[in-house]
C-alpha atoms as a PDB file:
ATOM      1  CA  MET A   1    -187.444  31.697 219.448  1.00  0.00           C
ATOM      2  CA  ALA A   2    -184.864  29.034 219.509  1.00  0.00           C
ATOM      3  CA  LYS A   3    -187.630  26.162 219.901  1.00  0.00           C
ATOM      4  CA  ALA A   4    -189.318  27.367 216.604  1.00  0.00           C
ATOM      5  CA  ALA A   5    -185.900  27.053 214.454  1.00  0.00           C
ATOM      6  CA  ARG A   6    -185.240  23.336 216.046  1.00  0.00           C
ATOM      7  CA  THR A   7    -188.943  22.662 214.681  1.00  0.00           C
ATOM      8  CA  VAL A   8    -187.942  23.692 211.138  1.00  0.00           C
ATOM      9  CA  ARG A   9    -184.765  21.689 211.070  1.00  0.00           C
ATOM     10  CA  GLN A  10    -185.732  18.627 212.176  1.00  0.00           C
ATOM     11  CA  PRO A  11    -188.450  18.018 209.070  1.00  0.00           C
ATOM     12  CA  ALA A  12    -185.500  19.042 206.661  1.00  0.00           C
ATOM     13  CA  LEU A  13    -183.210  16.675 208.313  1.00  0.00           C
ATOM     14  CA  LYS A  14    -185.777  13.740 208.012  1.00  0.00           C
ATOM     15  CA  ALA A  15    -186.272  14.713 204.377  1.00  0.00           C
ATOM     16  CA  ALA A  16    -182.547  14.778 203.605  1.00  0.00           C
ATOM     17  CA  SER A  17    -182.151  11.271 205.182  1.00  0.00           C
ATOM     18  CA  THR A  18    -185.075   9.487 203.287  1.00  0.00           C
ATOM     19  CA  PRO A  19    -183.372   8.884 200.194  1.00  0.00           C
ATOM     20  CA  HIS A  20    -180.502   7.328 201.619  1.00  0.00           C
ATOM     21  CA  GLN A  21    -183.323   4.689 203.318  1.00  0.00           C
ATOM     22  CA  THR A  22    -185.552   4.298 199.884  1.00  0.00           C
ATOM     23  CA  PRO A  23    -183.747   3.082 196.784  1.00  0.00           C
ATOM     24  CA  SER A  24    -183.741   5.430 193.919  1.00  0.00           C
ATOM     25  CA  PRO A  25    -185.847   4.310 191.040  1.00  0.00           C
ATOM     26  CA  ASP A  26    -183.199   5.220 188.957  1.00  0.00           C
ATOM     27  CA  ALA A  27    -180.747   2.851 190.298  1.00  0.00           C
ATOM     28  CA  SER A  28    -182.725  -0.120 188.524  1.00  0.00           C
ATOM     29  CA  SER A  29    -182.675   1.634 185.456  1.00  0.00           C
ATOM     30  CA  ALA A  30    -178.711   1.487 185.068  1.00  0.00           C
ATOM     31  CA  ALA A  31    -178.700  -1.757 183.961  1.00  0.00           C
ATOM     32  CA  GLY A  32    -181.338  -0.994 181.180  1.00  0.00           C
ATOM     33  CA  ASP A  33    -179.159   1.738 180.210  1.00  0.00           C
ATOM     34  CA  ARG A  34    -176.416  -0.645 179.485  1.00  0.00           C
ATOM     35  CA  ILE A  35    -178.382  -3.489 177.976  1.00  0.00           C
ATOM     36  CA  GLY A  36    -179.839  -1.348 175.161  1.00  0.00           C
ATOM     37  CA  PRO A  37    -176.520  -0.140 173.709  1.00  0.00           C
ATOM     38  CA  PHE A  38    -175.227  -4.069 174.056  1.00  0.00           C
ATOM     39  CA  LEU A  39    -178.031  -5.073 172.063  1.00  0.00           C
ATOM     40  CA  ILE A  40    -177.282  -2.367 169.367  1.00  0.00           C
ATOM     41  CA  MET A  41    -173.699  -3.424 169.307  1.00  0.00           C
ATOM     42  CA  LEU A  42    -174.495  -6.929 168.932  1.00  0.00           C
ATOM     43  CA  ALA A  43    -177.055  -6.140 166.096  1.00  0.00           C
ATOM     44  CA  ALA A  44    -174.423  -4.370 164.303  1.00  0.00           C
ATOM     45  CA  PHE A  45    -172.035  -7.343 164.469  1.00  0.00           C
ATOM     46  CA  LEU A  46    -174.775  -9.776 163.432  1.00  0.00           C
ATOM     47  CA  MET A  47    -175.455  -7.808 160.438  1.00  0.00           C
ATOM     48  CA  ALA A  48    -171.961  -7.032 159.486  1.00  0.00           C
ATOM     49  CA  ALA A  49    -171.212 -10.888 159.581  1.00  0.00           C
ATOM     50  CA  GLY A  50    -174.317 -11.318 157.290  1.00  0.00           C
ATOM     51  CA  VAL A  51    -173.330  -9.113 154.602  1.00  0.00           C
ATOM     52  CA  ALA A  52    -169.851 -10.639 154.620  1.00  0.00           C
ATOM     53  CA  ASP A  53    -171.765 -14.109 154.433  1.00  0.00           C
ATOM     54  CA  ALA A  54    -173.829 -12.727 151.704  1.00  0.00           C
ATOM     55  CA  ALA A  55    -170.692 -11.932 149.973  1.00  0.00           C
ATOM     56  CA  ALA A  56    -169.040 -15.053 150.271  1.00  0.00           C
ATOM     57  CA  ALA A  57    -171.868 -16.750 149.167  1.00  0.00           C
ATOM     58  CA  ALA A  58    -171.708 -14.969 145.913  1.00  0.00           C
ATOM     59  CA  HIS A  59    -168.289 -16.126 145.104  1.00  0.00           C
ATOM     60  CA  ALA A  60    -168.111 -19.763 146.849  1.00  0.00           C
ATOM     61  CA  ASP A  61    -169.473 -23.169 145.688  1.00  0.00           C
ATOM     62  CA  ALA A  62    -171.426 -23.676 148.742  1.00  0.00           C
ATOM     63  CA  ALA A  63    -173.901 -20.750 148.046  1.00  0.00           C
ATOM     64  CA  ARG A  64    -176.795 -22.687 149.458  1.00  0.00           C
ATOM     65  CA  GLU A  65    -175.278 -22.613 153.119  1.00  0.00           C
ATOM     66  CA  LEU A  66    -173.939 -19.268 153.255  1.00  0.00           C
ATOM     67  CA  SER A  67    -176.796 -17.600 151.842  1.00  0.00           C
ATOM     68  CA  ALA A  68    -179.051 -19.414 154.607  1.00  0.00           C
ATOM     69  CA  ALA A  69    -176.679 -18.198 157.209  1.00  0.00           C
ATOM     70  CA  ALA A  70    -176.502 -14.499 155.572  1.00  0.00           C
ATOM     71  CA  LEU A  71    -180.572 -14.545 155.438  1.00  0.00           C
ATOM     72  CA  LEU A  72    -180.880 -15.500 158.880  1.00  0.00           C
ATOM     73  CA  MET A  73    -178.016 -12.868 160.278  1.00  0.00           C
ATOM     74  CA  THR A  74    -179.509 -10.071 158.359  1.00  0.00           C
ATOM     75  CA  THR A  75    -183.403 -10.564 159.004  1.00  0.00           C
ATOM     76  CA  ASN A  76    -182.711 -11.204 162.874  1.00  0.00           C
ATOM     77  CA  ALA A  77    -179.839  -8.322 163.493  1.00  0.00           C
ATOM     78  CA  PRO A  78    -182.823  -5.417 162.582  1.00  0.00           C
ATOM     79  CA  MET A  79    -184.945  -7.012 165.526  1.00  0.00           C
ATOM     80  CA  VAL A  80    -182.164  -7.238 168.170  1.00  0.00           C
ATOM     81  CA  GLY A  81    -181.370  -3.332 167.422  1.00  0.00           C
ATOM     82  CA  LEU A  82    -184.670  -2.294 167.342  1.00  0.00           C
ATOM     83  CA  ILE A  83    -185.527  -3.970 171.048  1.00  0.00           C
ATOM     84  CA  GLY A  84    -181.979  -2.416 172.058  1.00  0.00           C
ATOM     85  CA  LEU A  85    -183.272   0.714 171.013  1.00  0.00           C
ATOM     86  CA  GLY A  86    -186.731   0.181 172.833  1.00  0.00           C
ATOM     87  CA  ILE A  87    -185.067  -0.991 175.772  1.00  0.00           C
ATOM     88  CA  ALA A  88    -182.602   2.165 175.900  1.00  0.00           C
ATOM     89  CA  CYS A  89    -185.740   4.391 175.506  1.00  0.00           C
ATOM     90  CA  GLY A  90    -187.666   2.474 178.176  1.00  0.00           C
ATOM     91  CA  LYS A  91    -190.297   1.467 176.028  1.00  0.00           C
ATOM     92  CA  LEU A  92    -189.745  -2.120 176.267  1.00  0.00           C
ATOM     93  CA  PRO A  93    -190.062  -4.616 179.540  1.00  0.00           C
ATOM     94  CA  ARG A  94    -186.335  -5.031 179.816  1.00  0.00           C
ATOM     95  CA  VAL A  95    -186.023  -8.372 180.900  1.00  0.00           C
ATOM     96  CA  PRO A  96    -188.235 -10.052 178.634  1.00  0.00           C
ATOM     97  CA  ALA A  97    -187.682  -8.267 175.486  1.00  0.00           C
ATOM     98  CA  ALA A  98    -183.781  -8.396 176.367  1.00  0.00           C
ATOM     99  CA  GLY A  99    -184.013 -11.980 176.739  1.00  0.00           C
ATOM    100  CA  GLY A 100    -185.571 -12.717 173.653  1.00  0.00           C
ATOM    101  CA  ALA A 101    -183.244 -10.459 171.481  1.00  0.00           C
ATOM    102  CA  PHE A 102    -180.490 -12.133 173.242  1.00  0.00           C
ATOM    103  CA  ALA A 103    -182.079 -15.871 172.393  1.00  0.00           C
ATOM    104  CA  ALA A 104    -182.422 -14.670 168.638  1.00  0.00           C
ATOM    105  CA  PHE A 105    -179.175 -13.516 168.452  1.00  0.00           C
ATOM    106  CA  LEU A 106    -177.513 -16.642 169.953  1.00  0.00           C
ATOM    107  CA  GLY A 107    -179.767 -18.756 167.601  1.00  0.00           C
ATOM    108  CA  ALA A 108    -178.379 -16.826 164.243  1.00  0.00           C
ATOM    109  CA  VAL A 109    -174.927 -17.413 165.497  1.00  0.00           C
ATOM    110  CA  LEU A 110    -175.042 -20.674 166.446  1.00  0.00           C
ATOM    111  CA  PHE A 111    -177.280 -21.629 163.018  1.00  0.00           C
ATOM    112  CA  SER A 112    -174.759 -19.630 161.082  1.00  0.00           C
ATOM    113  CA  ALA A 113    -171.778 -20.991 162.795  1.00  0.00           C
ATOM    114  CA  ASP A 114    -172.997 -24.509 162.066  1.00  0.00           C
ATOM    115  CA  MET A 115    -173.417 -23.464 158.340  1.00  0.00           C
ATOM    116  CA  LEU A 116    -170.028 -22.010 158.159  1.00  0.00           C
ATOM    117  CA  SER A 117    -168.276 -25.015 159.785  1.00  0.00           C
ATOM    118  CA  ARG A 118    -169.951 -26.841 156.904  1.00  0.00           C
ATOM    119  CA  VAL A 119    -168.521 -24.929 154.210  1.00  0.00           C
ATOM    120  CA  TYR A 120    -164.994 -24.163 155.550  1.00  0.00           C
ATOM    121  CA  GLY A 121    -164.699 -26.666 158.509  1.00  0.00           C
ATOM    122  CA  SER A 122    -164.818 -30.428 158.330  1.00  0.00           C
ATOM    123  CA  GLY A 123    -168.564 -30.699 158.705  1.00  0.00           C
ATOM    124  CA  ARG A 124    -171.194 -29.912 161.319  1.00  0.00           C
ATOM    125  CA  LEU A 125    -170.332 -27.806 164.320  1.00  0.00           C
ATOM    126  CA  PHE A 126    -171.875 -30.176 166.488  1.00  0.00           C
ATOM    127  CA  ALA A 127    -175.099 -32.590 166.250  1.00  0.00           C
ATOM    128  CA  TYR A 128    -178.293 -30.602 166.177  1.00  0.00           C
ATOM    129  CA  ALA A 129    -176.625 -27.207 165.811  1.00  0.00           C
ATOM    130  CA  ALA A 130    -178.436 -25.693 163.194  1.00  0.00           C
ATOM    131  CA  PRO A 131    -181.913 -26.932 164.454  1.00  0.00           C
ATOM    132  CA  THR A 132    -180.859 -25.690 168.106  1.00  0.00           C
ATOM    133  CA  GLY A 133    -180.068 -22.405 166.458  1.00  0.00           C
ATOM    134  CA  GLY A 134    -183.019 -22.121 164.644  1.00  0.00           C
ATOM    135  CA  SER A 135    -185.344 -23.070 167.830  1.00  0.00           C
ATOM    136  CA  LEU A 136    -183.324 -20.314 169.817  1.00  0.00           C
ATOM    137  CA  ILE A 137    -184.273 -17.756 167.206  1.00  0.00           C
ATOM    138  CA  ILE A 138    -188.124 -19.044 167.249  1.00  0.00           C
ATOM    139  CA  ALA A 139    -188.069 -18.874 171.035  1.00  0.00           C
ATOM    140  CA  GLY A 140    -186.623 -15.577 170.965  1.00  0.00           C
ATOM    141  CA  TRP A 141    -189.216 -14.101 168.479  1.00  0.00           C
ATOM    142  CA  THR A 142    -192.081 -15.691 170.817  1.00  0.00           C
ATOM    143  CA  ILE A 143    -190.822 -14.039 174.176  1.00  0.00           C
ATOM    144  CA  ILE A 144    -190.357 -10.649 172.206  1.00  0.00           C
ATOM    145  CA  GLY A 145    -194.070 -11.349 170.799  1.00  0.00           C
ATOM    146  CA  VAL A 146    -195.151 -12.187 174.326  1.00  0.00           C
ATOM    147  CA  ALA A 147    -193.392  -9.079 175.750  1.00  0.00           C
ATOM    148  CA  MET A 148    -194.956  -6.696 173.036  1.00  0.00           C
ATOM    149  CA  VAL A 149    -198.449  -8.063 173.984  1.00  0.00           C
ATOM    150  CA  TRP A 150    -198.256  -7.701 177.521  1.00  0.00           C
ATOM    151  CA  THR A 151    -196.857  -4.216 177.193  1.00  0.00           C
ATOM    152  CA  VAL A 152    -199.629  -3.021 175.257  1.00  0.00           C
ATOM    153  CA  ALA A 153    -201.899  -4.791 177.618  1.00  0.00           C
ATOM    154  CA  LYS A 154    -200.385  -3.174 180.767  1.00  0.00           C
ATOM    155  CA  ARG A 155    -200.688   0.404 179.081  1.00  0.00           C
ATOM    156  CA  ARG A 156    -204.537  -0.075 178.823  1.00  0.00           C
END
């Protein structure tokens, strides 16, 4: 009788020690749980800055530069936010989607900062700041497009 009880306990002990040896699949999703809301927060700040630029463009002499900055911020903010939402829901591949959204965010900020520096500062932010920002936006959208095609192809 004691031998039967020992046999029952051994598989139970092995099953209990297995999760400690194998990493949990939920452990890798912890970064995705933080990246999605972070991108949504960045999108909200980008949209708020874009609306503020649009309001300033309505009252400033340099409406062209401010309108360009507002346009880039308000058109890229929804994309960054939706990518963050897709990552948070687990529908998008984390690394390429977050990388593309972050590149587009940085590009919009860099381009807009250069435009604002021309209006309120003493000139350009630095040489080729606006083209660099625009290139980052293009690269970000391209990365997002490739990630979407890859995600759809992977599901088929």
